[in-house]
N, C-alpha and C. Protein backbone atom coordinates (compact mmCIF):
# COMPACT_ATOMS: atom_id res chain seq x y z
N MET A 1 99.60 201.80 -7.32
CA MET A 1 100.56 200.79 -7.76
C MET A 1 100.91 199.87 -6.59
N PHE A 2 101.46 198.70 -6.98
CA PHE A 2 101.79 197.68 -5.99
C PHE A 2 103.17 197.08 -6.34
N THR A 3 103.71 196.31 -5.39
CA THR A 3 105.03 195.72 -5.60
C THR A 3 104.99 194.21 -5.84
N GLY A 4 103.84 193.59 -5.61
CA GLY A 4 103.77 192.14 -5.75
C GLY A 4 104.28 191.39 -4.54
N ILE A 5 104.56 192.12 -3.45
CA ILE A 5 104.95 191.48 -2.20
C ILE A 5 103.72 191.41 -1.31
N VAL A 6 103.12 190.24 -1.25
CA VAL A 6 101.88 190.05 -0.50
C VAL A 6 102.12 190.29 0.99
N GLN A 7 101.25 191.08 1.60
CA GLN A 7 101.41 191.43 3.02
C GLN A 7 100.63 190.52 3.94
N ALA A 8 99.54 189.95 3.43
CA ALA A 8 98.70 189.09 4.28
C ALA A 8 97.84 188.20 3.40
N ASN A 9 97.46 187.07 3.97
CA ASN A 9 96.56 186.13 3.33
C ASN A 9 95.26 186.18 4.13
N CYS A 10 94.27 186.91 3.61
CA CYS A 10 93.11 187.29 4.41
C CYS A 10 91.85 186.50 4.02
N GLU A 11 91.06 186.17 5.02
CA GLU A 11 89.85 185.38 4.81
C GLU A 11 88.69 186.24 4.32
N VAL A 12 87.95 185.69 3.36
CA VAL A 12 86.73 186.33 2.91
C VAL A 12 85.61 185.97 3.89
N LEU A 13 85.08 186.98 4.58
CA LEU A 13 84.08 186.75 5.62
C LEU A 13 82.65 186.88 5.10
N SER A 14 82.47 187.63 4.03
CA SER A 14 81.12 187.81 3.49
C SER A 14 81.19 188.12 2.01
N ILE A 15 80.14 187.70 1.28
CA ILE A 15 80.00 188.02 -0.14
C ILE A 15 78.54 188.36 -0.39
N GLU A 16 78.29 189.60 -0.75
CA GLU A 16 76.94 190.02 -1.12
C GLU A 16 76.88 190.08 -2.64
N LYS A 17 76.02 189.23 -3.22
CA LYS A 17 75.95 189.12 -4.67
C LYS A 17 74.70 189.81 -5.21
N LYS A 18 74.95 190.74 -6.12
CA LYS A 18 73.89 191.40 -6.86
C LYS A 18 74.19 191.24 -8.34
N PRO A 19 73.21 191.46 -9.21
CA PRO A 19 73.49 191.34 -10.64
C PRO A 19 74.63 192.27 -11.07
N GLY A 20 75.73 191.66 -11.55
CA GLY A 20 76.86 192.45 -12.02
C GLY A 20 77.71 193.08 -10.95
N LEU A 21 77.50 192.72 -9.69
CA LEU A 21 78.25 193.34 -8.60
C LEU A 21 78.33 192.40 -7.41
N HIS A 22 79.53 192.18 -6.92
CA HIS A 22 79.74 191.45 -5.68
C HIS A 22 80.41 192.40 -4.68
N THR A 23 79.95 192.37 -3.44
CA THR A 23 80.61 193.13 -2.39
C THR A 23 81.29 192.14 -1.45
N LEU A 24 82.61 192.26 -1.37
CA LEU A 24 83.40 191.35 -0.54
C LEU A 24 83.70 191.99 0.81
N GLY A 25 83.54 191.21 1.88
CA GLY A 25 83.97 191.61 3.21
C GLY A 25 85.18 190.78 3.58
N VAL A 26 86.34 191.41 3.68
CA VAL A 26 87.60 190.70 3.87
C VAL A 26 88.17 191.01 5.25
N ALA A 27 88.57 189.97 5.97
CA ALA A 27 89.13 190.15 7.30
C ALA A 27 90.50 190.80 7.21
N MET A 28 90.71 191.81 8.04
CA MET A 28 92.03 192.44 8.13
C MET A 28 92.32 192.77 9.58
N ASN A 29 93.51 192.38 10.03
CA ASN A 29 93.87 192.68 11.41
C ASN A 29 94.22 194.17 11.53
N PRO A 30 94.28 194.68 12.76
CA PRO A 30 94.52 196.12 12.96
C PRO A 30 95.80 196.63 12.28
N ALA A 31 96.83 195.79 12.23
CA ALA A 31 98.08 196.23 11.60
C ALA A 31 97.89 196.47 10.10
N MET A 32 97.06 195.62 9.46
CA MET A 32 96.83 195.76 8.03
C MET A 32 95.87 196.91 7.70
N SER A 33 94.89 197.13 8.57
CA SER A 33 93.86 198.12 8.27
C SER A 33 94.18 199.50 8.85
N ALA A 34 95.26 199.63 9.59
CA ALA A 34 95.60 200.91 10.22
C ALA A 34 95.72 202.02 9.19
N GLY A 35 94.96 203.09 9.38
CA GLY A 35 95.02 204.24 8.49
C GLY A 35 94.33 204.04 7.17
N LEU A 36 93.68 202.91 6.98
CA LEU A 36 93.00 202.62 5.72
C LEU A 36 91.71 203.42 5.64
N GLU A 37 91.56 204.18 4.56
CA GLU A 37 90.40 205.04 4.41
C GLU A 37 89.54 204.61 3.23
N ILE A 38 88.27 204.99 3.27
CA ILE A 38 87.38 204.73 2.14
C ILE A 38 87.94 205.42 0.90
N GLY A 39 87.98 204.68 -0.20
CA GLY A 39 88.56 205.19 -1.43
C GLY A 39 89.98 204.74 -1.68
N ALA A 40 90.61 204.14 -0.67
CA ALA A 40 91.97 203.65 -0.84
C ALA A 40 91.99 202.43 -1.76
N SER A 41 93.14 202.18 -2.38
CA SER A 41 93.31 201.04 -3.27
C SER A 41 94.02 199.91 -2.55
N VAL A 42 93.47 198.71 -2.66
CA VAL A 42 94.06 197.52 -2.05
C VAL A 42 93.98 196.39 -3.08
N ALA A 43 95.06 195.66 -3.24
CA ALA A 43 95.07 194.54 -4.17
C ALA A 43 94.55 193.28 -3.47
N ASN A 44 93.58 192.62 -4.08
CA ASN A 44 93.04 191.35 -3.61
C ASN A 44 93.27 190.32 -4.72
N ASN A 45 94.11 189.32 -4.46
CA ASN A 45 94.51 188.37 -5.50
C ASN A 45 95.05 189.09 -6.73
N GLY A 46 95.72 190.23 -6.50
CA GLY A 46 96.32 190.97 -7.59
C GLY A 46 95.40 191.93 -8.30
N VAL A 47 94.16 192.03 -7.84
CA VAL A 47 93.17 192.93 -8.45
C VAL A 47 93.06 194.20 -7.62
N CYS A 48 93.29 195.34 -8.23
CA CYS A 48 93.18 196.62 -7.53
C CYS A 48 91.71 196.92 -7.27
N LEU A 49 91.33 196.95 -5.99
CA LEU A 49 89.95 197.24 -5.59
C LEU A 49 89.93 198.47 -4.69
N THR A 50 88.80 199.16 -4.70
CA THR A 50 88.64 200.37 -3.90
C THR A 50 87.90 200.03 -2.61
N VAL A 51 88.42 200.52 -1.50
CA VAL A 51 87.77 200.32 -0.21
C VAL A 51 86.46 201.12 -0.18
N THR A 52 85.36 200.42 0.12
CA THR A 52 84.05 201.10 0.20
C THR A 52 83.58 201.29 1.63
N ALA A 53 84.12 200.48 2.56
CA ALA A 53 83.75 200.62 3.98
C ALA A 53 84.76 199.88 4.84
N VAL A 54 84.94 200.37 6.04
CA VAL A 54 85.79 199.70 7.03
C VAL A 54 84.98 199.58 8.31
N ALA A 55 84.82 198.33 8.79
CA ALA A 55 84.00 198.11 9.98
C ALA A 55 84.59 196.99 10.82
N ASP A 56 84.97 197.32 12.05
CA ASP A 56 85.50 196.34 12.98
C ASP A 56 86.67 195.57 12.37
N ASP A 57 86.45 194.27 12.13
CA ASP A 57 87.55 193.41 11.69
C ASP A 57 87.54 193.17 10.19
N ARG A 58 86.75 193.90 9.44
CA ARG A 58 86.68 193.64 8.01
C ARG A 58 86.68 194.91 7.18
N VAL A 59 87.14 194.73 5.93
CA VAL A 59 87.17 195.82 4.95
C VAL A 59 86.33 195.37 3.76
N PHE A 60 85.55 196.28 3.21
CA PHE A 60 84.62 195.94 2.14
C PHE A 60 85.09 196.51 0.80
N PHE A 61 84.85 195.71 -0.25
CA PHE A 61 85.22 196.09 -1.61
C PHE A 61 84.08 195.72 -2.56
N ASP A 62 83.78 196.60 -3.51
CA ASP A 62 82.85 196.28 -4.57
C ASP A 62 83.62 195.76 -5.77
N VAL A 63 83.15 194.65 -6.35
CA VAL A 63 83.77 194.06 -7.53
C VAL A 63 82.76 194.12 -8.67
N MET A 64 83.08 194.91 -9.69
CA MET A 64 82.15 195.14 -10.79
C MET A 64 82.15 193.97 -11.79
N GLU A 65 81.18 193.98 -12.69
CA GLU A 65 80.96 192.88 -13.62
C GLU A 65 82.18 192.58 -14.48
N GLU A 66 82.84 193.63 -15.02
CA GLU A 66 84.01 193.42 -15.87
C GLU A 66 85.11 192.71 -15.10
N THR A 67 85.31 193.10 -13.86
CA THR A 67 86.34 192.47 -13.03
C THR A 67 85.97 191.03 -12.71
N LEU A 68 84.69 190.80 -12.45
CA LEU A 68 84.23 189.43 -12.18
C LEU A 68 84.46 188.53 -13.38
N ASN A 69 84.28 189.09 -14.59
CA ASN A 69 84.46 188.30 -15.81
C ASN A 69 85.93 187.98 -16.07
N LEU A 70 86.82 188.89 -15.71
CA LEU A 70 88.23 188.75 -16.07
C LEU A 70 89.08 188.04 -15.02
N THR A 71 88.60 187.97 -13.78
CA THR A 71 89.44 187.48 -12.70
C THR A 71 88.80 186.32 -11.94
N ASN A 72 89.58 185.76 -11.01
CA ASN A 72 89.05 184.65 -10.21
C ASN A 72 88.28 185.11 -8.97
N LEU A 73 88.06 186.42 -8.82
CA LEU A 73 87.28 186.90 -7.68
C LEU A 73 85.83 186.44 -7.76
N SER A 74 85.36 186.15 -8.96
CA SER A 74 83.99 185.66 -9.12
C SER A 74 83.81 184.26 -8.56
N LYS A 75 84.91 183.55 -8.35
CA LYS A 75 84.84 182.16 -7.89
C LYS A 75 85.03 182.03 -6.38
N LEU A 76 85.18 183.15 -5.70
CA LEU A 76 85.42 183.11 -4.26
C LEU A 76 84.20 182.63 -3.50
N ASP A 77 84.44 181.90 -2.43
CA ASP A 77 83.40 181.50 -1.48
C ASP A 77 83.79 182.03 -0.10
N ILE A 78 82.82 182.14 0.77
CA ILE A 78 83.10 182.54 2.15
C ILE A 78 84.05 181.51 2.77
N GLY A 79 85.09 182.00 3.40
CA GLY A 79 86.10 181.13 3.99
C GLY A 79 87.34 181.01 3.15
N ASP A 80 87.25 181.36 1.85
CA ASP A 80 88.44 181.39 1.01
C ASP A 80 89.36 182.51 1.47
N LYS A 81 90.63 182.41 1.09
CA LYS A 81 91.58 183.45 1.44
C LYS A 81 92.11 184.13 0.18
N VAL A 82 92.34 185.43 0.31
CA VAL A 82 92.87 186.21 -0.81
C VAL A 82 94.20 186.84 -0.41
N ASN A 83 95.08 186.97 -1.38
CA ASN A 83 96.34 187.66 -1.16
C ASN A 83 96.09 189.16 -1.14
N VAL A 84 96.53 189.81 -0.09
CA VAL A 84 96.25 191.24 0.08
C VAL A 84 97.55 192.03 0.13
N GLU A 85 97.58 193.13 -0.62
CA GLU A 85 98.67 194.09 -0.55
C GLU A 85 98.10 195.50 -0.62
N ARG A 86 98.47 196.33 0.32
CA ARG A 86 98.08 197.73 0.25
C ARG A 86 98.95 198.46 -0.77
N SER A 87 98.48 199.60 -1.25
CA SER A 87 99.17 200.30 -2.33
C SER A 87 100.55 200.77 -1.90
N LEU A 88 101.41 200.91 -2.89
CA LEU A 88 102.81 201.26 -2.68
C LEU A 88 102.95 202.63 -2.04
N THR A 89 103.80 202.71 -1.03
CA THR A 89 104.16 203.98 -0.41
C THR A 89 105.56 204.36 -0.89
N PHE A 90 105.67 205.49 -1.55
CA PHE A 90 106.97 205.89 -2.09
C PHE A 90 107.96 206.14 -0.95
N GLY A 91 109.20 205.75 -1.20
CA GLY A 91 110.24 205.88 -0.19
C GLY A 91 110.53 204.59 0.52
N LYS A 92 109.65 203.57 0.30
CA LYS A 92 109.89 202.27 0.92
C LYS A 92 110.54 201.32 -0.09
N GLU A 93 111.19 200.31 0.43
CA GLU A 93 111.88 199.33 -0.40
C GLU A 93 110.90 198.59 -1.29
N ILE A 94 111.26 198.40 -2.56
CA ILE A 94 110.45 197.62 -3.50
C ILE A 94 111.13 196.26 -3.66
N GLY A 95 110.52 195.23 -3.09
CA GLY A 95 111.14 193.92 -3.13
C GLY A 95 110.74 193.08 -4.32
N GLY A 96 109.64 193.44 -4.98
CA GLY A 96 109.19 192.66 -6.13
C GLY A 96 109.39 193.44 -7.42
N HIS A 97 108.30 193.65 -8.17
CA HIS A 97 108.34 194.53 -9.33
C HIS A 97 107.02 195.29 -9.38
N ILE A 98 106.99 196.38 -10.12
CA ILE A 98 105.82 197.24 -10.13
C ILE A 98 104.63 196.54 -10.80
N LEU A 99 103.52 196.51 -10.09
CA LEU A 99 102.26 195.96 -10.61
C LEU A 99 101.20 197.05 -10.54
N SER A 100 100.29 197.02 -11.51
CA SER A 100 99.22 198.02 -11.55
C SER A 100 97.96 197.55 -10.84
N GLY A 101 97.84 196.23 -10.64
CA GLY A 101 96.59 195.69 -10.10
C GLY A 101 95.53 195.47 -11.16
N HIS A 102 95.92 195.58 -12.44
CA HIS A 102 95.00 195.35 -13.56
C HIS A 102 95.32 193.99 -14.18
N VAL A 103 94.53 193.01 -13.85
CA VAL A 103 94.75 191.63 -14.30
C VAL A 103 94.48 191.53 -15.80
N HIS A 104 95.40 190.88 -16.53
CA HIS A 104 95.24 190.73 -17.97
C HIS A 104 94.43 189.49 -18.34
N THR A 105 94.67 188.40 -17.62
CA THR A 105 94.03 187.13 -17.97
C THR A 105 94.13 186.18 -16.79
N GLN A 106 93.58 184.99 -16.95
CA GLN A 106 93.71 183.95 -15.94
C GLN A 106 94.50 182.78 -16.51
N ALA A 107 95.13 182.03 -15.65
CA ALA A 107 95.86 180.82 -16.04
C ALA A 107 95.33 179.64 -15.25
N SER A 108 95.22 178.52 -15.92
CA SER A 108 94.74 177.30 -15.27
C SER A 108 95.92 176.50 -14.71
N VAL A 109 95.74 175.95 -13.53
CA VAL A 109 96.76 175.08 -12.95
C VAL A 109 96.67 173.73 -13.65
N VAL A 110 97.76 173.37 -14.33
CA VAL A 110 97.80 172.11 -15.08
C VAL A 110 98.39 170.99 -14.24
N ALA A 111 99.39 171.34 -13.42
CA ALA A 111 100.05 170.32 -12.60
C ALA A 111 100.68 170.98 -11.39
N VAL A 112 100.75 170.23 -10.29
CA VAL A 112 101.45 170.65 -9.08
C VAL A 112 102.41 169.54 -8.70
N ASP A 113 103.69 169.87 -8.63
CA ASP A 113 104.74 168.90 -8.29
C ASP A 113 105.30 169.29 -6.92
N ASN A 114 104.82 168.61 -5.89
CA ASN A 114 105.16 168.95 -4.52
C ASN A 114 105.94 167.80 -3.88
N THR A 115 107.21 168.07 -3.56
CA THR A 115 108.04 167.08 -2.89
C THR A 115 108.68 167.71 -1.66
N ASP A 116 109.51 166.94 -0.96
CA ASP A 116 110.21 167.48 0.21
C ASP A 116 111.21 168.56 -0.17
N SER A 117 111.65 168.56 -1.43
CA SER A 117 112.70 169.49 -1.84
C SER A 117 112.22 170.66 -2.69
N HIS A 118 110.99 170.58 -3.23
CA HIS A 118 110.52 171.68 -4.07
C HIS A 118 108.99 171.70 -4.17
N TYR A 119 108.48 172.85 -4.63
CA TYR A 119 107.05 173.00 -4.91
C TYR A 119 106.95 173.73 -6.25
N ASN A 120 106.60 172.97 -7.28
CA ASN A 120 106.52 173.52 -8.63
C ASN A 120 105.08 173.47 -9.12
N MET A 121 104.71 174.48 -9.88
CA MET A 121 103.35 174.58 -10.40
C MET A 121 103.41 174.92 -11.89
N LEU A 122 102.68 174.17 -12.70
CA LEU A 122 102.61 174.41 -14.14
C LEU A 122 101.30 175.10 -14.47
N LEU A 123 101.40 176.27 -15.12
CA LEU A 123 100.22 177.06 -15.47
C LEU A 123 100.05 177.13 -16.98
N GLU A 124 98.81 177.11 -17.43
CA GLU A 124 98.48 177.24 -18.85
C GLU A 124 97.67 178.50 -19.07
N PHE A 125 98.05 179.30 -20.07
CA PHE A 125 97.40 180.58 -20.32
C PHE A 125 96.97 180.68 -21.78
N GLU A 126 96.18 181.70 -22.10
CA GLU A 126 95.72 181.89 -23.47
C GLU A 126 96.92 182.24 -24.36
N PRO A 127 97.01 181.62 -25.56
CA PRO A 127 98.18 181.78 -26.42
C PRO A 127 98.50 183.23 -26.79
N GLN A 128 97.52 184.12 -26.79
CA GLN A 128 97.76 185.50 -27.19
C GLN A 128 98.75 186.22 -26.28
N TRP A 129 98.95 185.71 -25.06
CA TRP A 129 99.85 186.35 -24.11
C TRP A 129 101.25 185.76 -24.13
N GLN A 130 101.48 184.77 -25.00
CA GLN A 130 102.74 184.04 -24.99
C GLN A 130 103.94 184.94 -25.28
N LYS A 131 103.77 185.93 -26.14
CA LYS A 131 104.91 186.79 -26.53
C LYS A 131 105.43 187.65 -25.38
N TYR A 132 104.65 187.76 -24.31
CA TYR A 132 105.07 188.59 -23.17
C TYR A 132 105.66 187.79 -22.02
N ILE A 133 105.64 186.48 -22.11
CA ILE A 133 106.06 185.63 -20.99
C ILE A 133 107.35 184.92 -21.35
N PHE A 134 108.43 185.28 -20.65
CA PHE A 134 109.76 184.78 -20.95
C PHE A 134 110.35 184.07 -19.73
N TYR A 135 111.22 183.10 -20.03
CA TYR A 135 111.99 182.44 -18.98
C TYR A 135 112.80 183.48 -18.20
N LYS A 136 112.69 183.46 -16.89
CA LYS A 136 113.36 184.38 -15.96
C LYS A 136 112.75 185.78 -15.96
N GLY A 137 111.63 185.96 -16.67
CA GLY A 137 110.96 187.26 -16.64
C GLY A 137 110.06 187.38 -15.42
N PHE A 138 109.56 188.61 -15.20
CA PHE A 138 108.63 188.85 -14.09
C PHE A 138 107.20 188.58 -14.52
N ILE A 139 106.38 188.16 -13.56
CA ILE A 139 104.95 188.04 -13.79
C ILE A 139 104.23 188.15 -12.45
N GLY A 140 103.02 188.69 -12.47
CA GLY A 140 102.19 188.75 -11.28
C GLY A 140 101.20 187.60 -11.28
N VAL A 141 101.21 186.78 -10.23
CA VAL A 141 100.30 185.63 -10.12
C VAL A 141 99.52 185.77 -8.82
N ASN A 142 98.21 186.02 -8.93
CA ASN A 142 97.39 186.29 -7.74
C ASN A 142 98.00 187.39 -6.88
N GLY A 143 98.61 188.37 -7.56
CA GLY A 143 99.20 189.49 -6.84
C GLY A 143 100.60 189.28 -6.33
N CYS A 144 101.19 188.11 -6.59
CA CYS A 144 102.55 187.81 -6.15
C CYS A 144 103.54 188.11 -7.27
N SER A 145 104.58 188.83 -6.97
CA SER A 145 105.66 189.05 -7.93
C SER A 145 106.52 187.80 -7.99
N LEU A 146 106.51 187.13 -9.14
CA LEU A 146 107.21 185.86 -9.27
C LEU A 146 108.07 185.85 -10.53
N THR A 147 109.03 184.93 -10.54
CA THR A 147 109.90 184.75 -11.70
C THR A 147 109.41 183.57 -12.52
N VAL A 148 109.32 183.78 -13.81
CA VAL A 148 108.85 182.73 -14.72
C VAL A 148 109.91 181.64 -14.85
N GLY A 149 109.48 180.39 -14.70
CA GLY A 149 110.37 179.26 -14.93
C GLY A 149 110.35 178.86 -16.40
N LYS A 150 110.61 177.63 -16.69
CA LYS A 150 110.64 177.15 -18.07
C LYS A 150 109.31 177.40 -18.75
N VAL A 151 109.37 177.92 -19.99
CA VAL A 151 108.17 178.19 -20.78
C VAL A 151 108.03 177.11 -21.83
N GLU A 152 106.85 176.51 -21.90
CA GLU A 152 106.56 175.46 -22.87
C GLU A 152 105.32 175.87 -23.66
N SER A 153 105.54 176.53 -24.81
CA SER A 153 104.43 177.04 -25.61
C SER A 153 103.59 177.99 -24.76
N ASN A 154 102.31 177.69 -24.54
CA ASN A 154 101.47 178.57 -23.71
C ASN A 154 101.34 178.04 -22.28
N ARG A 155 102.43 177.47 -21.78
CA ARG A 155 102.50 177.02 -20.40
C ARG A 155 103.83 177.48 -19.80
N PHE A 156 103.84 177.70 -18.49
CA PHE A 156 105.12 177.99 -17.83
C PHE A 156 105.10 177.45 -16.41
N TRP A 157 106.30 177.21 -15.90
CA TRP A 157 106.47 176.68 -14.56
C TRP A 157 106.74 177.79 -13.56
N LEU A 158 106.23 177.62 -12.37
CA LEU A 158 106.59 178.44 -11.22
C LEU A 158 107.31 177.56 -10.22
N HIS A 159 108.37 178.08 -9.62
CA HIS A 159 109.11 177.36 -8.58
C HIS A 159 108.98 178.18 -7.30
N LEU A 160 108.20 177.68 -6.37
CA LEU A 160 107.80 178.46 -5.20
C LEU A 160 108.59 178.06 -3.96
N ILE A 161 109.10 179.07 -3.27
CA ILE A 161 109.87 178.82 -2.05
C ILE A 161 108.91 178.72 -0.86
N PRO A 162 109.34 178.10 0.23
CA PRO A 162 108.46 177.93 1.40
C PRO A 162 107.88 179.24 1.93
N GLU A 163 108.66 180.32 1.90
CA GLU A 163 108.17 181.60 2.42
C GLU A 163 107.01 182.13 1.58
N THR A 164 107.08 181.96 0.27
CA THR A 164 105.97 182.36 -0.60
C THR A 164 104.73 181.53 -0.30
N LEU A 165 104.92 180.24 -0.11
CA LEU A 165 103.78 179.37 0.20
C LEU A 165 103.16 179.72 1.55
N ARG A 166 104.00 180.14 2.50
CA ARG A 166 103.49 180.48 3.83
C ARG A 166 102.69 181.78 3.81
N LEU A 167 103.14 182.76 3.05
CA LEU A 167 102.53 184.08 3.09
C LEU A 167 101.36 184.26 2.14
N THR A 168 101.21 183.36 1.18
CA THR A 168 100.20 183.54 0.14
C THR A 168 99.22 182.36 0.10
N ASN A 169 98.27 182.47 -0.83
CA ASN A 169 97.28 181.40 -0.97
C ASN A 169 97.61 180.43 -2.10
N LEU A 170 98.81 180.51 -2.68
CA LEU A 170 99.13 179.70 -3.85
C LEU A 170 99.10 178.20 -3.57
N ALA A 171 99.45 177.80 -2.35
CA ALA A 171 99.46 176.37 -2.03
C ALA A 171 98.06 175.77 -2.01
N SER A 172 97.04 176.61 -1.94
CA SER A 172 95.66 176.10 -1.90
C SER A 172 95.10 175.84 -3.30
N TYR A 173 95.84 176.21 -4.33
CA TYR A 173 95.37 176.03 -5.71
C TYR A 173 95.79 174.68 -6.26
N GLN A 174 94.82 173.95 -6.75
CA GLN A 174 95.03 172.61 -7.26
C GLN A 174 94.72 172.57 -8.76
N THR A 175 94.99 171.41 -9.36
CA THR A 175 94.77 171.24 -10.80
C THR A 175 93.34 171.63 -11.20
N GLY A 176 93.24 172.44 -12.25
CA GLY A 176 91.95 172.88 -12.77
C GLY A 176 91.51 174.24 -12.25
N MET A 177 92.11 174.71 -11.17
CA MET A 177 91.75 176.02 -10.62
C MET A 177 92.48 177.11 -11.40
N GLN A 178 91.98 178.35 -11.26
CA GLN A 178 92.52 179.46 -12.06
C GLN A 178 93.12 180.55 -11.19
N LEU A 179 94.24 181.07 -11.68
CA LEU A 179 94.98 182.13 -11.01
C LEU A 179 94.98 183.39 -11.87
N ASN A 180 94.99 184.55 -11.23
CA ASN A 180 95.05 185.81 -11.95
C ASN A 180 96.48 186.09 -12.42
N LEU A 181 96.62 186.54 -13.66
CA LEU A 181 97.93 186.90 -14.20
C LEU A 181 97.96 188.38 -14.57
N GLU A 182 99.03 189.06 -14.17
CA GLU A 182 99.32 190.39 -14.67
C GLU A 182 100.67 190.37 -15.36
N ILE A 183 100.66 190.69 -16.65
CA ILE A 183 101.89 190.71 -17.44
C ILE A 183 102.75 191.88 -17.00
N ASP A 184 104.07 191.69 -16.98
CA ASP A 184 104.99 192.77 -16.63
C ASP A 184 104.85 193.90 -17.65
N SER A 185 104.59 195.11 -17.16
CA SER A 185 104.30 196.25 -18.03
C SER A 185 105.50 196.63 -18.90
N GLN A 186 106.70 196.54 -18.34
CA GLN A 186 107.89 196.90 -19.12
C GLN A 186 108.10 195.91 -20.27
N THR A 187 107.91 194.64 -19.98
CA THR A 187 108.03 193.63 -21.03
C THR A 187 107.00 193.87 -22.13
N GLN A 188 105.77 194.16 -21.73
CA GLN A 188 104.71 194.39 -22.72
C GLN A 188 105.02 195.61 -23.58
N THR A 189 105.53 196.67 -22.96
CA THR A 189 105.86 197.88 -23.70
C THR A 189 106.96 197.62 -24.72
N ILE A 190 108.01 196.91 -24.31
CA ILE A 190 109.11 196.62 -25.22
C ILE A 190 108.65 195.77 -26.39
N VAL A 191 107.92 194.70 -26.11
CA VAL A 191 107.45 193.80 -27.17
C VAL A 191 106.54 194.54 -28.14
N ASP A 192 105.60 195.32 -27.63
CA ASP A 192 104.67 196.04 -28.50
C ASP A 192 105.40 197.09 -29.34
N THR A 193 106.39 197.76 -28.74
CA THR A 193 107.15 198.77 -29.47
C THR A 193 107.95 198.14 -30.60
N VAL A 194 108.63 197.04 -30.33
CA VAL A 194 109.40 196.35 -31.36
C VAL A 194 108.49 195.89 -32.49
N GLU A 195 107.35 195.32 -32.13
CA GLU A 195 106.41 194.86 -33.16
C GLU A 195 105.94 196.02 -34.03
N ARG A 196 105.66 197.16 -33.41
CA ARG A 196 105.18 198.32 -34.16
C ARG A 196 106.25 198.87 -35.10
N VAL A 197 107.50 198.95 -34.61
CA VAL A 197 108.60 199.45 -35.44
C VAL A 197 108.85 198.52 -36.62
N LEU A 198 108.85 197.21 -36.36
CA LEU A 198 109.07 196.25 -37.45
C LEU A 198 107.96 196.31 -38.48
N ALA A 199 106.72 196.47 -38.02
CA ALA A 199 105.59 196.57 -38.94
C ALA A 199 105.71 197.82 -39.81
N GLN A 200 106.16 198.93 -39.23
CA GLN A 200 106.33 200.16 -39.99
C GLN A 200 107.43 200.02 -41.04
N ARG A 201 108.51 199.35 -40.67
CA ARG A 201 109.61 199.13 -41.62
C ARG A 201 109.14 198.29 -42.81
N LEU A 202 108.40 197.25 -42.49
CA LEU A 202 107.90 196.38 -43.58
C LEU A 202 106.91 197.13 -44.46
N ALA A 203 106.06 197.97 -43.83
CA ALA A 203 105.09 198.74 -44.61
C ALA A 203 105.76 199.74 -45.53
N ASN A 204 106.95 200.20 -45.13
CA ASN A 204 107.70 201.17 -45.93
C ASN A 204 108.65 200.50 -46.92
N GLY A 205 108.58 199.18 -46.98
CA GLY A 205 109.41 198.44 -47.93
C GLY A 205 110.85 198.28 -47.50
N LEU A 206 111.14 198.47 -46.22
CA LEU A 206 112.50 198.34 -45.72
C LEU A 206 112.75 196.91 -45.26
N THR A 207 113.98 196.47 -45.35
CA THR A 207 114.33 195.14 -44.87
C THR A 207 114.56 195.17 -43.37
N LEU A 208 114.58 194.02 -42.76
CA LEU A 208 114.80 193.92 -41.31
C LEU A 208 116.27 193.83 -40.97
N ALA A 209 117.13 193.69 -41.98
CA ALA A 209 118.58 193.56 -41.74
C ALA A 209 119.18 194.90 -41.35
């Protein structure tokens, strides 16, 4: 599990592409890689990946075909940067919200409104996820725990503070690019449970009043 508090913005140093499999070599400084073992889980752009090797200044991850299809990791080039968070250690402060590292969908950047006083980003997502995305709710965007701004049908605004822009790769995303989204698990559970209960009541001929 993860908290959505990005620890580093790390450069992709190598990409080995095979049919249905990419192996990423990601730069990590000694502080980030300390104690990191093969088999450990690390979030890259919000995607939970397993460490396959650690060598000198880089950590390697295999990205399977399903993950490549569902996330923006398939679009990475050498020199790009990914948001990195190591897995949650119990007993430490949780500053964001619980994330699983399982990306649900991608969102396209529709607009970026960048002024001296604010940095706002409008994202568009597939309509099927609309019921889980609420104003002031939690959402994971490229592994960042963020608060949803105004929701407009299947679009929502993000309002990013300077510290988030400094620590993450979100400022590098421009119109037309895609970001990984992870829906808040508690929100999804509540919505699905309510839908199921209401459907059962209707099937049994009961009113909703």
